Every structure is written in C-alpha cells, then in structure tokens.
C-alpha cells in the first residue's frame, strides 16, 4: 500500500513547484498539480494551512488535502481525487485529469490576471451515474494558535454556498486587507463541510473546508436541501470559480450582482413577499409573491447574456439572502417555523 501521496511510486517524478504572481501576492502550484500556498500581498504568510511540523495544524494537514483535491460519492462508489492520472503544464498553470472509475474529472488551473479554476465531471461509463456528493478542498488557514500568531498569520474564512451565487471571503485574522475573494462563475455550490476537526485538533483548528457541488449523499437536508446530479453516458457537469485580491468585503461584493434579492423570505399565509430584480432580469412569476397555503414557491429569473445572471435559486430555510436566479419564497402558517435560507440554482 502506498501510504504517502508524495511517494515516487505513487506520482512518478515530481515537477518543481510553479509560483505565479497574483497581483501583489503569489500562488504556488505544487509538482502534483494542487495549490500548496497562497502568499498574502503584505504579510507574506500563506492564506492556506501550512505543511509545517511546528504549525498548530501539523496534526491534521498534509499534501493529500491541498487545495483542489477532494472526493466524489456516487450511487456506485466513493473515491478521493488526489493522484492525477495525467498533468499538462503551461506557463500560467496546469491541466489535470483524475480517473474516478465511472467518472473522469478534468481540472484547469490558471494564475494570470486572476486565479481561475474549472472542474468538469464526465460519465465515462455505459450507464447513468447519480452523483450524491462532490467536494473540493479549500484549506484556509483558519486556525488559533497564540493570539499573536493568529493575528499575524491566520485568516477568517467566510463561505456562502448559495447555489449559483456562491462566494468565499478570506481575510487576515486582524481584519486588515487585502482579502482573497472567490466567486463562482459557472455551475452551483450547495454546501460546505468541515473535515479533520476532532478531539485531537480541538476548536483551535477550524479544519479542512470543502466546497460542495452537492452533499446529498451525506446530508440531503443540509442548507435547505441538496440536489442530486444524474449524468447519462458521456454527459458532463462543470463548475468554475475566480479568485482575486480585494481591499475590503464591500469591494469584493461590488463585483457581484445577484439576479434576485429580498429583505424578507418568509411570510404568513396570505401575506406577500417582495423580490427585487437586478437590471435586465425578468421573471414570469407575478410579484409580489403570495401563498394561499403553507409551503415553498420557486421563482425563476433570467437575464440576457447568461453567466451568473441566468441562474435560479431555491429557498428552504431562512436568514440571509444571496441568490442569482430562482428563489423560493416561503409562506408559513403561525405554527410553522419561520427560519429559512436562500440558495440559487443556475437555469
């Protein structure tokens, strides 16, 4: 059994790391194609968990959980993607292919004016495959050692997996900028999960944070409900994101515009919910939304040009709202729970 992901019998000859400028910071892609470090522009420390025996995360972080690795659960098997079956390097990044049995995962990773990544799952089997969970590791260094070290070298990571309107904001623990913002540009993210947080690491290490296209297989009810992805032979599912530095969370959010927005997502039966549409967005659902019975109503919005503008979102539980497409307005009877949250789905 090959115990180390860096064992040459596992990977073969290692390529040297590729370090590329990302604005005033840098991104280091390891020789096996995953991201090993992201240097902050002014502090020089990595925004990601460190592979240092002296670091607080030493007990739980290793190369097998670097950025861009992860796992897939289908109706037939579960597999991690760690070792790529093939790599193709370019001046600004790498293309990887992972053999996952019935599925083939292709990853494109580029660092130029921005850091962009695309992921595509393809069904290479002769039968339909139902995907119940897909997760990509994004190991932000959200750790708590000493107060001094936390303020100097750790980050706060904020994740919103709102379907098509998903984003992540990672900022130095002391709140100073710039921060690193991730915006989903294609596909959907419906959940996130935490791995490696246990009795040994305790609460001083947040754990490995995984972004999920879906987590239906493990928690179908999570975050308002998780979809399943069904791929017929030869069919594909693709998602992409973009990362860059921003001076503040407000500056990051200024680059995003959900198709739908709302201040209130739940109402008593017979009351109304007013949705705000982005400029150029349309919906066939009469506004405001009114429910005559308790339940969920889905509102589909679209906009010319596609992209994040032509998305859909479904609301299942309530609280914060951030969506770019189909929303579900929820009406409740007095005895029903009034908690809800909004998610979006591209359509």
Protein backbone atom coordinates (compact mmCIF):
# COMPACT_ATOMS: atom_id res chain seq x y z
CA UNK A 1 0.00 0.00 0.00
CA UNK A 2 1.35 3.44 -0.95
CA UNK A 3 0.97 5.48 2.18
CA UNK A 4 2.38 8.82 1.08
CA UNK A 5 0.86 10.97 -1.65
CA UNK A 6 4.41 12.13 -2.43
CA UNK A 7 5.82 8.61 -2.76
CA UNK A 8 7.50 8.48 -6.22
CA UNK A 9 5.85 5.09 -6.84
CA UNK A 10 2.53 6.92 -6.50
CA UNK A 11 3.19 10.04 -8.52
CA UNK A 12 6.29 9.28 -10.51
CA UNK A 13 8.93 12.00 -10.97
CA UNK A 14 7.90 15.26 -9.34
CA UNK A 15 7.75 18.51 -11.28
CA UNK A 16 9.14 21.56 -9.49
CA UNK A 17 6.60 23.87 -7.88
CA UNK A 18 5.22 26.65 -10.07
CA UNK A 19 4.86 30.04 -8.33
CA UNK A 20 2.90 32.72 -10.16
CA UNK A 21 2.14 36.31 -9.27
CA UNK A 22 -1.45 37.01 -8.33
CA UNK A 23 -1.49 40.80 -8.20
CA UNK A 24 0.82 41.72 -5.31
CA UNK A 25 0.64 38.18 -3.88
CA UNK A 26 1.61 34.77 -5.25
CA UNK A 27 0.07 31.33 -5.80
CA UNK A 28 2.26 28.22 -5.61
CA UNK A 29 1.12 25.13 -7.52
CA UNK A 30 2.86 22.01 -6.28
CA UNK A 31 4.54 19.50 -8.55
CA UNK A 32 1.48 17.22 -8.45
CA UNK A 33 -0.84 19.99 -9.62
CA UNK A 34 -2.60 21.10 -6.43
CA UNK A 35 -2.22 24.51 -4.80
CA UNK A 36 0.19 24.37 -1.87
CA UNK A 37 0.39 28.02 -0.80
CA UNK A 38 -1.08 31.47 -1.45
CA UNK A 39 1.15 34.26 -0.17
CA UNK A 40 -0.62 37.34 1.19
CA UNK A 41 0.47 40.56 -0.54
CA UNK A 42 1.68 42.42 2.57
CA UNK A 43 2.25 39.72 5.18
CA UNK A 44 3.93 37.08 3.01
CA UNK A 45 2.35 34.24 5.03
CA UNK A 46 0.17 31.70 3.26
CA UNK A 47 -3.59 32.08 3.35
CA UNK A 48 -3.77 28.26 3.38
CA UNK A 49 -2.94 25.64 6.00
CA UNK A 50 0.79 25.11 6.25
CA UNK A 51 2.72 21.85 5.94
CA UNK A 52 5.00 22.72 8.84
CA UNK A 53 5.60 20.33 11.76
CA UNK A 54 5.66 23.30 14.14
CA UNK A 55 2.32 24.75 12.98
CA UNK A 56 -0.90 24.28 15.01
CA UNK A 57 -2.37 22.36 12.08
CA UNK A 58 0.52 19.87 11.87
CA UNK A 59 -1.58 17.07 13.38
CA UNK A 60 -4.17 17.18 10.60
CA UNK A 61 -2.84 18.83 7.44
CA UNK A 62 -0.77 17.07 4.79
CA UNK A 63 -0.40 17.16 0.98
CA UNK A 64 -3.41 14.85 0.48
CA UNK A 65 -5.69 17.74 1.47
CA UNK A 66 -4.10 20.51 -0.54
CA UNK A 67 -6.29 22.98 -2.40
CA UNK A 68 -8.11 21.37 -5.31
CA UNK A 69 -8.14 17.80 -4.03
CA UNK A 70 -11.35 16.20 -2.76
CA UNK A 71 -13.83 13.36 -3.11
CA UNK A 72 -16.87 12.15 -5.03
CA UNK A 73 -19.68 9.89 -3.81
CA UNK A 74 -21.97 8.25 -6.38
CA UNK A 75 -24.68 5.60 -6.27
CA UNK A 76 -21.99 3.04 -7.07
CA UNK A 77 -18.78 4.06 -5.30
CA UNK A 78 -16.90 6.71 -3.35
CA UNK A 79 -13.47 7.97 -4.37
CA UNK A 80 -10.99 10.65 -3.41
CA UNK A 81 -9.17 12.59 -6.11
CA UNK A 82 -5.57 13.02 -5.09
CA UNK A 83 -3.22 11.46 -7.63
CA UNK A 84 -3.89 12.81 -11.14
CA UNK A 85 -3.82 10.30 -13.97
CA UNK A 86 -2.20 12.96 -16.16
CA UNK A 87 -0.86 16.51 -15.92
CA UNK A 88 -0.19 19.07 -18.63
CA UNK A 89 1.78 22.16 -17.62
CA UNK A 90 1.72 25.61 -19.17
CA UNK A 91 3.44 28.86 -18.29
CA UNK A 92 0.48 30.02 -16.21
CA UNK A 93 -0.89 26.83 -14.73
CA UNK A 94 -1.76 23.19 -15.17
CA UNK A 95 -4.44 20.86 -16.51
CA UNK A 96 -5.14 17.65 -14.59
CA UNK A 97 -7.21 14.54 -15.27
CA UNK A 98 -8.34 12.25 -12.43
CA UNK A 99 -9.61 8.72 -13.05
CA UNK A 100 -12.57 8.18 -10.71
CA UNK A 101 -13.86 4.90 -12.11
CA UNK A 102 -17.21 5.66 -13.72
CA UNK A 103 -16.27 9.34 -13.79
CA UNK A 104 -13.42 11.37 -15.19
CA UNK A 105 -12.59 14.68 -13.53
CA UNK A 106 -10.76 17.32 -15.56
CA UNK A 107 -9.34 20.36 -13.76
CA UNK A 108 -7.92 23.51 -15.32
CA UNK A 109 -5.92 25.79 -13.00
CA UNK A 110 -4.57 29.16 -14.20
CA UNK A 111 -2.91 32.07 -12.42
CA UNK A 112 -2.60 35.21 -14.55
CA UNK A 113 -4.50 38.47 -14.12
CA UNK A 114 -6.72 36.44 -11.78
CA UNK A 115 -6.64 32.91 -10.37
CA UNK A 116 -9.21 30.78 -12.20
CA UNK A 117 -10.17 27.14 -11.88
CA UNK A 118 -12.58 24.94 -13.82
CA UNK A 119 -13.76 21.45 -12.90
CA UNK A 120 -15.62 19.05 -15.18
CA UNK A 121 -17.02 15.61 -14.34
CA UNK A 122 -17.73 13.32 -17.28
CA UNK A 123 -19.54 9.99 -17.16
CA UNK A 124 -17.25 7.50 -18.91
CA UNK A 125 -19.45 4.51 -18.05
CA UNK A 126 -22.09 2.89 -20.25
CA UNK A 127 -24.87 3.60 -17.73
CA UNK A 128 -26.29 6.54 -15.81
CA UNK A 129 -24.35 7.64 -12.74
CA UNK A 130 -26.02 9.55 -9.91
CA UNK A 131 -23.67 11.83 -8.00
CA UNK A 132 -24.56 12.36 -4.36
CA UNK A 133 -21.55 14.36 -3.18
CA UNK A 134 -18.72 16.30 -4.78
CA UNK A 135 -16.25 18.19 -2.61
CA UNK A 136 -13.15 20.28 -3.31
CA UNK A 137 -10.68 21.09 -0.55
CA UNK A 138 -10.09 24.80 0.14
CA UNK A 139 -7.87 24.59 3.24
CA UNK A 140 -7.95 28.16 4.51
CA UNK A 141 -5.62 28.82 7.46
CA UNK A 142 -8.45 29.50 9.88
CA UNK A 143 -6.55 28.45 13.00
CA UNK A 144 -5.97 29.73 16.50
CA UNK A 145 -2.51 29.28 17.99
CA UNK A 146 -1.30 32.08 20.23
CA UNK A 147 -3.09 35.43 19.99
CA UNK A 148 -0.04 36.98 18.37
CA UNK A 149 0.33 34.24 15.78
CA UNK A 150 -3.39 34.21 14.98
CA UNK A 151 -3.44 37.95 14.32
CA UNK A 152 -0.24 37.83 12.28
CA UNK A 153 -0.59 34.62 10.26
CA UNK A 154 -4.15 33.26 10.29
CA UNK A 155 -7.31 34.15 8.36
CA UNK A 156 -11.05 34.33 8.83
CA UNK A 157 -12.85 32.35 6.09
CA UNK A 158 -16.49 33.17 5.30
CA UNK A 159 -18.31 30.73 2.98
CA UNK A 160 -21.65 31.21 1.25
CA UNK A 161 -22.73 28.21 -0.79
CA UNK A 162 -25.86 29.75 -2.26
CA UNK A 163 -26.11 27.58 -5.37
CA UNK A 164 -25.22 29.62 -8.45
CA UNK A 165 -24.48 32.69 -6.35
CA UNK A 166 -21.73 31.20 -4.19
CA UNK A 167 -18.71 33.01 -2.81
CA UNK A 168 -15.91 32.82 -0.24
CA UNK A 169 -14.12 35.66 1.53
CA UNK A 170 -10.83 35.04 3.36
CA UNK A 171 -9.22 37.94 5.22
CA UNK A 172 -6.33 38.20 7.71
CA UNK A 173 -7.45 37.47 11.25
CA UNK A 174 -6.84 41.05 12.40
CA UNK A 175 -9.25 42.35 9.75
CA UNK A 176 -6.70 44.21 7.65
CA UNK A 177 -6.78 43.91 3.89
CA UNK A 178 -6.50 42.89 1.28
CA UNK A 179 -8.65 39.78 1.41
CA UNK A 180 -8.97 37.00 -1.11
CA UNK A 181 -12.41 36.63 -2.69
CA UNK A 182 -13.68 33.55 -4.56
CA UNK A 183 -16.66 33.97 -6.88
CA UNK A 184 -18.43 31.05 -8.54
CA UNK A 185 -18.67 31.81 -12.26
CA UNK A 186 -20.24 28.58 -13.56
CA UNK A 187 -22.25 25.75 -12.02
CA UNK A 188 -23.52 25.58 -8.44
CA UNK A 189 -22.22 25.12 -4.90
CA UNK A 190 -24.87 23.89 -2.49
CA UNK A 191 -22.97 23.13 0.70
CA UNK A 192 -19.67 23.17 2.51
CA UNK A 193 -18.31 20.74 5.07
CA UNK A 194 -15.52 20.55 7.64
CA UNK A 195 -13.08 17.64 7.75
CA UNK A 196 -10.27 16.77 10.18
CA UNK A 197 -11.67 18.63 13.17
CA UNK A 198 -11.68 16.18 16.05
CA UNK A 199 -10.69 15.69 19.69
CA UNK A 200 -7.02 15.96 18.79
CA UNK A 201 -7.20 19.25 16.89
CA UNK A 202 -9.91 20.74 19.11
CA UNK A 203 -11.56 24.05 18.36
CA UNK A 204 -8.28 25.88 17.74
CA UNK A 205 -8.22 24.48 14.20
CA UNK A 206 -11.34 25.01 12.14
CA UNK A 207 -10.46 22.06 9.90
CA UNK A 208 -10.32 21.44 6.19
CA UNK A 209 -13.11 23.36 4.48
CA UNK A 210 -14.62 21.62 1.44
CA UNK A 211 -16.86 23.31 -1.11
CA UNK A 212 -19.63 21.00 -2.37
CA UNK A 213 -21.43 20.96 -5.67
CA UNK A 214 -23.82 18.80 -3.66
CA UNK A 215 -23.70 16.79 -0.44
CA UNK A 216 -26.96 14.89 -0.93
CA UNK A 217 -25.39 11.50 -0.19
CA UNK A 218 -24.30 12.50 3.31
CA UNK A 219 -26.82 15.15 4.33
CA UNK A 220 -29.69 15.53 1.88
CA UNK A 221 -31.41 18.06 4.15
CA UNK A 222 -28.38 20.32 4.64
CA UNK A 223 -28.61 24.05 3.92
CA UNK A 224 -32.17 23.81 2.75
CA UNK A 225 -31.85 20.61 0.71
CA UNK A 226 -29.24 19.12 -1.59
CA UNK A 227 -29.76 18.18 -5.26
CA UNK A 228 -28.54 15.04 -6.99
CA UNK A 229 -26.60 15.17 -10.25
CA UNK A 230 -27.56 12.50 -12.77
CA UNK A 231 -25.19 12.01 -15.68
CA UNK A 232 -26.07 9.80 -18.63
CA UNK A 233 -23.19 8.14 -20.52
CA UNK A 234 -20.96 10.84 -21.98
CA UNK A 235 -22.72 13.67 -20.13
CA UNK A 236 -20.76 16.26 -18.17
CA UNK A 237 -21.21 18.65 -15.27
CA UNK A 238 -18.94 21.67 -14.99
CA UNK A 239 -18.25 24.35 -12.37
CA UNK A 240 -15.73 27.18 -12.27
CA UNK A 241 -14.58 29.94 -9.97
CA UNK A 242 -12.38 33.00 -9.95
CA UNK A 243 -10.21 34.39 -7.15
CA UNK A 244 -8.55 37.76 -6.70
CA UNK A 245 -7.49 40.26 -4.03
CA UNK A 246 -9.88 42.96 -2.84
CA UNK A 247 -9.28 45.78 -0.38
CA UNK A 248 -12.49 45.03 1.54
CA UNK A 249 -15.55 42.79 1.63
CA UNK A 250 -17.57 45.70 0.23
CA UNK A 251 -15.19 45.99 -2.72
CA UNK A 252 -15.49 42.25 -3.33
CA UNK A 253 -19.29 42.29 -3.23
CA UNK A 254 -19.33 45.26 -5.61
CA UNK A 255 -18.12 42.86 -8.32
CA UNK A 256 -21.15 40.60 -7.85
CA UNK A 257 -24.82 41.19 -8.64
CA UNK A 258 -27.44 38.55 -7.79
CA UNK A 259 -30.43 38.38 -10.11
CA UNK A 260 -32.83 38.28 -7.18
CA UNK A 261 -32.71 39.95 -3.79
CA UNK A 262 -35.12 40.29 -0.90
CA UNK A 263 -35.26 41.62 2.63
CA UNK A 264 -37.85 39.10 3.83
CA UNK A 265 -38.02 35.45 2.79
CA UNK A 266 -40.86 34.15 4.94
CA UNK A 267 -44.40 35.33 5.47
CA UNK A 268 -47.65 34.18 6.99
CA UNK A 269 -50.13 32.56 4.63
CA UNK A 270 -51.88 35.34 2.71
CA UNK A 271 -49.09 37.85 3.25
CA UNK A 272 -46.75 38.87 0.44
CA UNK A 273 -43.00 38.68 -0.22
CA UNK A 274 -41.48 41.32 -2.49
CA UNK A 275 -38.45 40.36 -4.56
CA UNK A 276 -36.06 42.84 -6.18
CA UNK A 277 -34.82 42.01 -9.67
CA UNK A 278 -31.44 43.12 -10.97
CA UNK A 279 -31.45 45.46 -14.01
CA UNK A 280 -32.31 43.44 -17.09
CA UNK A 281 -33.61 40.46 -15.13
CA UNK A 282 -37.13 39.16 -15.71
CA UNK A 283 -39.42 36.59 -14.13
CA UNK A 284 -42.75 35.10 -15.15
CA UNK A 285 -43.90 34.83 -11.53
CA UNK A 286 -46.35 37.56 -10.51
CA UNK A 287 -44.92 39.99 -7.99
CA UNK A 288 -45.21 40.23 -5.07
CA UNK A 289 -45.26 36.53 -4.20
CA UNK A 290 -48.31 35.47 -2.20
CA UNK A 291 -49.05 31.99 -0.85
CA UNK A 292 -52.52 30.70 -0.10
CA UNK A 293 -51.12 27.61 1.65
CA UNK A 294 -48.01 26.92 3.70
CA UNK A 295 -45.05 25.75 1.61
CA UNK A 296 -42.33 26.82 -0.80
CA UNK A 297 -42.79 28.72 -4.05
CA UNK A 298 -39.99 28.82 -6.62
CA UNK A 299 -39.39 31.97 -8.62
CA UNK A 300 -37.32 31.72 -11.80
CA UNK A 301 -35.49 34.77 -13.10
CA UNK A 302 -33.35 35.13 -16.20
CA UNK A 303 -31.27 37.79 -17.92
CA UNK A 304 -29.81 38.23 -21.38
CA UNK A 305 -26.20 37.22 -21.71
CA UNK A 306 -26.22 34.14 -19.48
CA UNK A 307 -23.47 33.71 -16.91
CA UNK A 308 -24.24 34.48 -13.27
CA UNK A 309 -27.23 36.48 -14.48
CA UNK A 310 -29.17 33.48 -15.77
CA UNK A 311 -29.41 31.47 -12.60
CA UNK A 312 -32.06 30.10 -10.35
CA UNK A 313 -32.37 29.76 -6.64
CA UNK A 314 -34.48 27.88 -4.12
CA UNK A 315 -35.16 28.96 -0.57
CA UNK A 316 -35.70 26.26 2.00
CA UNK A 317 -34.75 27.67 5.42
CA UNK A 318 -34.43 31.40 6.17
CA UNK A 319 -31.98 34.01 7.37
CA UNK A 320 -29.59 35.69 4.96
CA UNK A 321 -30.30 36.05 1.27
CA UNK A 322 -27.86 35.98 -1.59
CA UNK A 323 -29.03 34.48 -4.84
CA UNK A 324 -28.84 34.97 -8.54
CA UNK A 325 -31.75 33.29 -10.20
CA UNK A 326 -34.53 31.11 -8.91
CA UNK A 327 -35.68 31.84 -5.43
CA UNK A 328 -38.25 30.15 -3.35
CA UNK A 329 -40.49 32.40 -1.39
CA UNK A 330 -41.77 30.62 1.71
CA UNK A 331 -45.13 31.14 3.30
CA UNK A 332 -45.84 29.70 6.74
CA UNK A 333 -48.77 29.17 9.00
CA UNK A 334 -48.46 30.60 12.56
CA UNK A 335 -47.37 27.22 13.89
CA UNK A 336 -44.68 26.67 11.26
CA UNK A 337 -41.01 27.52 11.77
CA UNK A 338 -40.12 30.90 10.34
CA UNK A 339 -36.48 30.03 9.76
CA UNK A 340 -35.28 29.91 6.16
CA UNK A 341 -32.23 30.50 3.94
CA UNK A 342 -31.87 31.26 0.25
CA UNK A 343 -29.94 29.30 -2.32
CA UNK A 344 -29.62 29.74 -6.04
CA UNK A 345 -29.54 27.34 -8.95
CA UNK A 346 -28.46 28.08 -12.49
CA UNK A 347 -31.16 27.56 -15.04
